[in-house]
Amino acid sequence: MMRHSLPFAPPGSRVGLFGGSFDPVHRGHLQLSHEALRRLQLDRVWWLVSPGNPLKPHGPAPLAERMARARTALRDHPRVTVTGVEARLRTRITADTLAQVQRLYPRLRFVWLMGADSFATLHRWYRWHEVAARVPIAVFARPGERLSALCSPAARALARDRLAPPRAPALARHAPPRWCFVTMPMQVQSSTELRDRG
């Protein structure tokens, strides 16, 4: 895998990695990315559009279609980049994707971005402890998911590694495992709801 085909960020940049199927993109994805840039003082956010999510029963729309829609939605967001890095690296497990990205970008500071609903089920991810050991994690509040996220097996296992919300801007500078719960204005729209309406 040649690095020139992957996103660029200057050495030392703080980059948020936001993985998902983005099937389809909705306002919640855009809001989380905007809040991550602002609240975590990130330089860039990279959307890692997944070829497929092994935790979801139905496959997503074709990758090229989802990436095209994501790029259209992000026309006015120059610091957010859409990438199909998992397909290019041929990785399907988040821990493997992170290992490869860190190998390719040893001088960047990465933060894994996720909604509270995903963090609530993080313990079901294959090798999730390795994900937490590789990069700091920022967990963003979603409607109805605060309690389930904060009482989840992952939250309990990582209780000693949680940063207080006022320290969120420093998250990218912390060595993992480290995580922070970030509240943001509630956005009730979800990809599942949009697909069901279609």
Protein backbone atom coordinates (compact mmCIF):
# COMPACT_ATOMS: atom_id res chain seq x y z
CA MET A 1 0.00 0.00 0.00
CA MET A 2 1.55 3.30 -1.10
CA ARG A 3 1.12 6.22 1.25
CA HIS A 4 0.59 8.70 -1.62
CA SER A 5 -2.86 7.16 -2.15
CA LEU A 6 -3.88 7.94 1.44
CA PRO A 7 -4.86 11.28 3.05
CA PHE A 8 -2.23 13.88 3.90
CA ALA A 9 -1.65 15.70 7.17
CA PRO A 10 1.50 17.60 8.17
CA PRO A 11 3.79 15.89 10.73
CA GLY A 12 2.64 16.53 14.28
CA SER A 13 -1.00 17.00 13.26
CA ARG A 14 -3.79 15.83 15.53
CA VAL A 15 -6.13 13.71 13.42
CA GLY A 16 -9.49 12.27 14.41
CA LEU A 17 -10.34 8.92 12.85
CA PHE A 18 -14.09 8.44 12.42
CA GLY A 19 -14.98 4.97 11.20
CA GLY A 20 -18.32 3.71 9.98
CA SER A 21 -20.43 2.62 7.06
CA PHE A 22 -21.85 6.15 6.49
CA ASP A 23 -24.88 4.50 4.89
CA PRO A 24 -26.06 7.14 4.36
CA VAL A 25 -24.30 10.25 5.66
CA HIS A 26 -26.48 12.35 7.96
CA ARG A 27 -26.31 15.51 10.04
CA GLY A 28 -25.09 13.57 13.09
CA HIS A 29 -21.90 12.54 11.24
CA LEU A 30 -21.25 16.14 10.23
CA GLN A 31 -22.01 17.46 13.70
CA LEU A 32 -19.72 14.95 15.41
CA SER A 33 -16.89 15.84 13.03
CA HIS A 34 -17.36 19.56 13.60
CA GLU A 35 -17.50 19.12 17.37
CA ALA A 36 -14.39 16.91 17.30
CA LEU A 37 -12.39 19.55 15.44
CA ARG A 38 -13.51 22.23 17.87
CA ARG A 39 -13.71 20.47 21.22
CA LEU A 40 -10.63 18.26 20.81
CA GLN A 41 -8.64 20.93 18.97
CA LEU A 42 -7.92 18.57 16.09
CA ASP A 43 -6.24 19.62 12.85
CA ARG A 44 -8.06 17.10 10.66
CA VAL A 45 -10.80 14.47 10.74
CA TRP A 46 -10.60 11.48 8.42
CA TRP A 47 -13.74 9.50 7.71
CA LEU A 48 -12.80 5.83 7.34
CA VAL A 49 -15.67 4.57 5.21
CA SER A 50 -15.83 0.85 5.94
CA PRO A 51 -16.36 -1.81 3.26
CA GLY A 52 -18.86 -3.37 5.70
CA ASN A 53 -19.68 -3.62 9.38
CA PRO A 54 -19.48 -7.18 10.77
CA LEU A 55 -21.80 -6.19 13.64
CA LYS A 56 -24.66 -5.22 11.30
CA PRO A 57 -26.92 -7.90 9.78
CA HIS A 58 -27.35 -6.27 6.36
CA GLY A 59 -24.58 -5.15 4.03
CA PRO A 60 -24.24 -1.46 3.16
CA ALA A 61 -24.54 0.22 -0.23
CA PRO A 62 -21.48 -0.12 -2.51
CA LEU A 63 -18.38 1.57 -1.10
CA ALA A 64 -17.85 3.89 -4.09
CA GLU A 65 -21.45 5.12 -3.80
CA ARG A 66 -21.15 5.82 -0.08
CA MET A 67 -17.83 7.63 -0.52
CA ALA A 68 -19.25 9.80 -3.30
CA ARG A 69 -22.21 10.78 -1.11
CA ALA A 70 -19.89 11.53 1.81
CA ARG A 71 -17.66 13.75 -0.35
CA THR A 72 -20.72 15.63 -1.59
CA ALA A 73 -21.89 16.20 1.99
CA LEU A 74 -18.43 17.48 2.97
CA ARG A 75 -17.91 19.97 0.14
CA ASP A 76 -17.76 22.84 2.63
CA HIS A 77 -15.59 21.07 5.21
CA PRO A 78 -11.95 21.37 4.03
CA ARG A 79 -10.52 19.81 7.20
CA VAL A 80 -12.62 16.63 6.93
CA THR A 81 -11.42 14.01 4.43
CA VAL A 82 -13.30 10.96 3.15
CA THR A 83 -11.19 7.85 2.66
CA GLY A 84 -11.74 4.18 1.93
CA VAL A 85 -8.54 3.31 3.78
CA GLU A 86 -9.79 -0.07 5.03
CA ALA A 87 -10.51 -1.24 1.50
CA ARG A 88 -7.12 0.02 0.32
CA LEU A 89 -5.25 -1.57 3.20
CA ARG A 90 -7.43 -4.70 2.98
CA THR A 91 -8.16 -4.60 6.69
CA ARG A 92 -11.56 -5.41 8.17
CA ILE A 93 -10.75 -5.24 11.88
CA THR A 94 -10.36 -1.80 13.47
CA ALA A 95 -7.29 -2.88 15.46
CA ASP A 96 -5.57 -3.94 12.23
CA THR A 97 -6.57 -0.72 10.46
CA LEU A 98 -5.14 1.36 13.29
CA ALA A 99 -1.89 -0.63 13.29
CA GLN A 100 -1.44 -0.03 9.56
CA VAL A 101 -2.35 3.66 9.69
CA GLN A 102 0.03 4.25 12.60
CA ARG A 103 2.79 2.46 10.71
CA LEU A 104 2.22 4.68 7.66
CA TYR A 105 1.93 7.89 9.71
CA PRO A 106 4.31 7.57 12.68
CA ARG A 107 4.45 11.35 13.22
CA LEU A 108 0.72 12.00 13.51
CA ARG A 109 -1.33 11.97 16.72
CA PHE A 110 -4.53 10.02 16.20
CA VAL A 111 -7.77 10.01 18.19
CA TRP A 112 -10.53 7.48 17.54
CA LEU A 113 -13.94 9.20 17.29
CA MET A 114 -17.16 7.37 18.05
CA GLY A 115 -20.72 7.96 19.14
CA ALA A 116 -21.86 6.87 22.58
CA ASP A 117 -24.08 4.22 20.97
CA SER A 118 -21.01 2.57 19.43
CA PHE A 119 -18.99 2.86 22.64
CA ALA A 120 -21.79 1.05 24.47
CA THR A 121 -21.01 -2.02 22.32
CA LEU A 122 -17.24 -1.55 22.02
CA HIS A 123 -16.68 -4.66 24.15
CA ARG A 124 -18.17 -6.72 21.29
CA TRP A 125 -15.52 -5.52 18.82
CA TYR A 126 -12.83 -8.06 17.99
CA ARG A 127 -9.63 -7.16 19.91
CA TRP A 128 -11.24 -4.02 21.31
CA HIS A 129 -8.63 -3.80 24.07
CA GLU A 130 -6.03 -3.33 21.36
CA VAL A 131 -8.03 -0.45 19.87
CA ALA A 132 -8.02 1.28 23.26
CA ALA A 133 -4.31 0.57 23.70
CA ARG A 134 -3.41 2.08 20.32
CA VAL A 135 -5.18 5.47 20.31
CA PRO A 136 -7.06 7.75 22.69
CA ILE A 137 -10.83 7.54 22.21
CA ALA A 138 -13.33 10.41 22.15
CA VAL A 139 -16.90 9.32 22.84
CA PHE A 140 -19.64 11.74 21.76
CA ALA A 141 -23.06 11.74 23.41
CA ARG A 142 -25.98 10.53 21.29
CA PRO A 143 -29.71 10.67 22.16
CA GLY A 144 -30.58 8.06 24.78
CA GLU A 145 -27.09 6.56 24.83
CA ARG A 146 -25.33 8.40 27.67
CA LEU A 147 -26.16 5.93 30.42
CA SER A 148 -25.58 2.80 28.34
CA ALA A 149 -22.19 4.12 27.21
CA LEU A 150 -21.01 5.23 30.66
CA CYS A 151 -22.13 1.96 32.27
CA SER A 152 -20.85 -0.26 29.46
CA PRO A 153 -18.24 -3.01 29.95
CA ALA A 154 -15.67 -0.92 28.08
CA ALA A 155 -16.32 2.12 30.29
CA ARG A 156 -15.92 -0.01 33.41
CA ALA A 157 -12.74 -1.64 32.10
CA LEU A 158 -11.26 1.74 31.19
CA ALA A 159 -12.57 3.67 34.20
CA ARG A 160 -9.10 4.67 35.42
CA ASP A 161 -8.20 5.99 31.97
CA ARG A 162 -11.08 8.44 31.59
CA LEU A 163 -10.25 12.12 31.22
CA ALA A 164 -12.53 14.77 32.69
CA PRO A 165 -14.43 16.73 29.98
CA PRO A 166 -12.50 19.99 30.55
CA ARG A 167 -9.33 18.12 29.54
CA ALA A 168 -10.77 17.00 26.19
CA PRO A 169 -8.61 19.46 24.18
CA ALA A 170 -5.51 17.62 25.44
CA LEU A 171 -6.77 14.12 24.56
CA ALA A 172 -4.62 13.77 21.43
CA ARG A 173 -1.49 14.46 23.48
CA HIS A 174 -2.17 11.64 25.95
CA ALA A 175 -0.70 8.18 25.56
CA PRO A 176 -3.38 5.48 25.33
CA PRO A 177 -5.33 4.00 26.88
CA ARG A 178 -7.18 7.25 27.48
CA TRP A 179 -10.73 8.29 26.69
CA CYS A 180 -13.08 11.19 27.19
CA PHE A 181 -16.87 11.50 27.10
CA VAL A 182 -17.89 14.62 25.18
CA THR A 183 -21.42 16.01 25.29
CA MET A 184 -22.77 17.85 22.28
CA PRO A 185 -26.17 19.15 21.15
CA MET A 186 -28.43 16.19 20.49
CA GLN A 187 -28.96 15.12 16.89
CA VAL A 188 -31.62 12.44 16.63
CA GLN A 189 -31.10 11.55 12.97
CA SER A 190 -29.41 8.22 12.27
CA SER A 191 -28.38 6.30 9.17
CA THR A 192 -30.75 3.46 10.06
CA GLU A 193 -33.73 5.84 10.23
CA LEU A 194 -32.81 7.39 6.88
CA ARG A 195 -32.50 3.98 5.21
CA ASP A 196 -35.86 2.88 6.66
CA ARG A 197 -37.53 6.01 5.28
CA GLY A 198 -36.06 5.38 1.82
